Amino acid sequence: MKSEDHSAINVPELSTVEKGKAPLISTAREQKSGYKKGLGISDFLLILGAIIAALATVATMRTSDETLTFFTQFLQFEASYDDLPTFMFCVITIALVGGYLVLSLPFSIVTIVRPHAVAPRLLIFILDTTLEAAKNPERMHELMSERRKEIRKL
């Protein structure tokens, strides 16, 4: 060995993958996120459509004042949403649903940006289930009483 050779460092040539170039074939995780991102986008569009429908319904019912004529023009009946408590309940309920949808919209955006995040999807699922249960409390009471009877039998 010569004295010149021991100071040289041999560096092997690196392949293109090791140099930081992206591979042409995507990984399995990237392929799976495609349908999750699509579900997030469809969820976002459905929520947006529901918000628009709720706002249109509330605006239509709130601003509609009808005058109906009976037999002659002297007998007239004015109808408004606040004449019957059922219509008032309907307007208030749809407004609350629209508010809930507006509050759930950011969680839908998070599921688009981070398709593998479990917590926002789980939170939306729990809140939707709770809202569905609150919509029909009599049925929930029946289910709970049936469950209590089953537990007592055990």
Protein backbone atom coordinates (compact mmCIF):
# COMPACT_ATOMS: atom_id res chain seq x y z
CA MET A 1 0.00 0.00 0.00
CA LYS A 2 1.20 3.40 -0.85
CA SER A 3 0.86 6.30 1.53
CA GLU A 4 -1.42 8.12 -0.95
CA ASP A 5 -4.07 5.35 -1.12
CA HIS A 6 -4.99 5.20 2.56
CA SER A 7 -6.28 8.81 2.61
CA ALA A 8 -8.81 8.27 -0.21
CA ILE A 9 -12.41 7.42 0.67
CA ASN A 10 -14.40 5.27 -1.69
CA VAL A 11 -18.08 6.32 -1.92
CA PRO A 12 -20.31 3.87 -3.78
CA GLU A 13 -22.87 5.15 -6.28
CA LEU A 14 -26.39 5.37 -4.81
CA SER A 15 -29.44 4.17 -6.70
CA THR A 16 -32.19 6.61 -7.78
CA VAL A 17 -34.56 5.48 -5.03
CA GLU A 18 -32.02 6.24 -2.31
CA LYS A 19 -31.36 9.70 -3.76
CA GLY A 20 -34.84 10.87 -2.78
CA LYS A 21 -36.68 10.35 -6.02
CA ALA A 22 -40.26 9.23 -5.58
CA PRO A 23 -41.16 5.72 -6.70
CA LEU A 24 -43.63 5.39 -9.56
CA ILE A 25 -45.94 2.97 -7.73
CA SER A 26 -47.86 4.35 -4.76
CA THR A 27 -47.87 2.54 -1.47
CA ALA A 28 -50.88 0.72 -0.03
CA ARG A 29 -51.58 3.52 2.48
CA GLU A 30 -51.77 6.12 -0.28
CA GLN A 31 -54.17 3.93 -2.26
CA LYS A 32 -56.45 3.41 0.76
CA SER A 33 -56.66 7.14 1.50
CA GLY A 34 -58.28 7.75 -1.88
CA TYR A 35 -61.65 6.28 -0.99
CA LYS A 36 -61.54 7.80 2.49
CA LYS A 37 -60.91 11.21 0.99
CA GLY A 38 -63.78 10.58 -1.45
CA LEU A 39 -66.05 9.70 1.48
CA GLY A 40 -65.00 12.89 3.23
CA ILE A 41 -65.75 14.98 0.15
CA SER A 42 -69.15 13.34 -0.33
CA ASP A 43 -69.90 13.87 3.38
CA PHE A 44 -68.96 17.54 3.03
CA LEU A 45 -71.17 17.98 -0.05
CA LEU A 46 -74.13 16.24 1.63
CA ILE A 47 -73.80 18.45 4.71
CA LEU A 48 -73.55 21.54 2.52
CA GLY A 49 -76.67 20.50 0.60
CA ALA A 50 -78.55 19.84 3.84
CA ILE A 51 -77.58 23.27 5.17
CA ILE A 52 -78.86 24.93 2.00
CA ALA A 53 -82.11 22.93 2.15
CA ALA A 54 -82.64 23.76 5.85
CA LEU A 55 -82.03 27.46 5.28
CA ALA A 56 -84.36 27.51 2.27
CA THR A 57 -87.08 25.73 4.26
CA VAL A 58 -86.83 28.08 7.22
CA ALA A 59 -86.76 31.16 4.98
CA THR A 60 -89.74 29.95 2.97
CA MET A 61 -91.87 29.14 6.00
CA ARG A 62 -90.86 32.31 7.84
CA THR A 63 -91.62 34.71 5.00
CA SER A 64 -94.77 33.11 3.60
CA ASP A 65 -97.98 34.90 4.56
CA GLU A 66 -100.90 33.67 2.50
CA THR A 67 -104.34 35.14 2.11
CA LEU A 68 -106.97 32.60 1.16
CA THR A 69 -110.44 33.56 -0.03
CA PHE A 70 -113.57 31.57 0.83
CA PHE A 71 -116.68 31.80 -1.34
CA THR A 72 -116.43 35.58 -1.76
CA GLN A 73 -113.75 38.18 -1.45
CA PHE A 74 -115.20 39.37 1.84
CA LEU A 75 -114.35 36.09 3.60
CA GLN A 76 -110.60 35.88 3.72
CA PHE A 77 -108.28 33.79 5.83
CA GLU A 78 -104.69 34.79 6.52
CA ALA A 79 -102.28 31.93 7.12
CA SER A 80 -98.81 32.26 8.62
CA TYR A 81 -96.27 29.86 10.08
CA ASP A 82 -97.00 31.08 13.61
CA ASP A 83 -100.73 30.35 13.45
CA LEU A 84 -100.24 26.70 14.42
CA PRO A 85 -97.78 25.43 17.03
CA THR A 86 -96.85 22.56 14.72
CA PHE A 87 -95.46 24.96 12.13
CA MET A 88 -93.57 26.92 14.78
CA PHE A 89 -92.07 23.67 16.07
CA CYS A 90 -91.12 22.72 12.50
CA VAL A 91 -89.35 26.05 11.87
CA ILE A 92 -87.48 25.90 15.19
CA THR A 93 -86.46 22.27 14.66
CA ILE A 94 -85.20 22.85 11.14
CA ALA A 95 -83.27 25.91 12.33
CA LEU A 96 -81.63 23.80 15.07
CA VAL A 97 -80.76 21.10 12.55
CA GLY A 98 -79.20 23.74 10.29
CA GLY A 99 -77.15 25.03 13.23
CA TYR A 100 -75.96 21.51 14.03
CA LEU A 101 -74.97 20.99 10.40
CA VAL A 102 -73.00 24.25 10.36
CA LEU A 103 -71.17 23.15 13.52
CA SER A 104 -70.38 19.72 12.05
CA LEU A 105 -69.00 21.18 8.82
CA PRO A 106 -65.46 21.79 10.19
CA PHE A 107 -65.22 18.15 11.28
CA SER A 108 -66.11 17.13 7.75
CA ILE A 109 -63.33 19.36 6.42
CA VAL A 110 -60.88 17.71 8.83
CA THR A 111 -61.85 14.28 7.46
CA ILE A 112 -61.00 15.52 3.96
CA VAL A 113 -57.63 16.99 4.95
CA ARG A 114 -56.67 14.04 7.18
CA PRO A 115 -58.44 10.97 5.78
CA HIS A 116 -56.81 8.58 8.29
CA ALA A 117 -57.93 10.54 11.37
CA VAL A 118 -60.36 8.42 13.39
CA ALA A 119 -61.44 10.90 16.10
CA PRO A 120 -63.40 13.36 13.88
CA ARG A 121 -65.26 10.53 12.14
CA LEU A 122 -66.07 8.91 15.48
CA LEU A 123 -67.26 12.23 16.92
CA ILE A 124 -69.53 12.89 13.94
CA PHE A 125 -70.90 9.33 14.21
CA ILE A 126 -71.64 9.71 17.95
CA LEU A 127 -73.26 13.12 17.51
CA ASP A 128 -75.38 11.94 14.59
CA THR A 129 -76.51 8.90 16.57
CA THR A 130 -77.38 11.08 19.57
CA LEU A 131 -79.32 13.46 17.35
CA GLU A 132 -81.19 10.53 15.82
CA ALA A 133 -82.04 9.23 19.31
CA ALA A 134 -83.21 12.67 20.43
CA LYS A 135 -85.43 12.89 17.38
CA ASN A 136 -87.56 9.96 18.57
CA PRO A 137 -87.42 9.79 22.39
CA GLU A 138 -90.44 7.47 22.69
CA ARG A 139 -88.71 4.78 20.65
CA MET A 140 -85.52 5.19 22.68
CA HIS A 141 -87.56 4.79 25.88
CA GLU A 142 -89.09 1.58 24.49
CA LEU A 143 -85.67 0.21 23.57
CA MET A 144 -84.24 1.07 26.99
CA SER A 145 -87.18 -0.56 28.81
CA GLU A 146 -86.80 -3.71 26.68
CA ARG A 147 -83.09 -3.77 27.52
CA ARG A 148 -83.85 -3.43 31.26
CA LYS A 149 -86.28 -6.36 31.07
CA GLU A 150 -83.64 -8.49 29.37
CA ILE A 151 -81.10 -7.58 32.06
CA ARG A 152 -83.55 -8.44 34.85
CA LYS A 153 -84.15 -11.88 33.32
CA LEU A 154 -80.45 -12.65 33.55
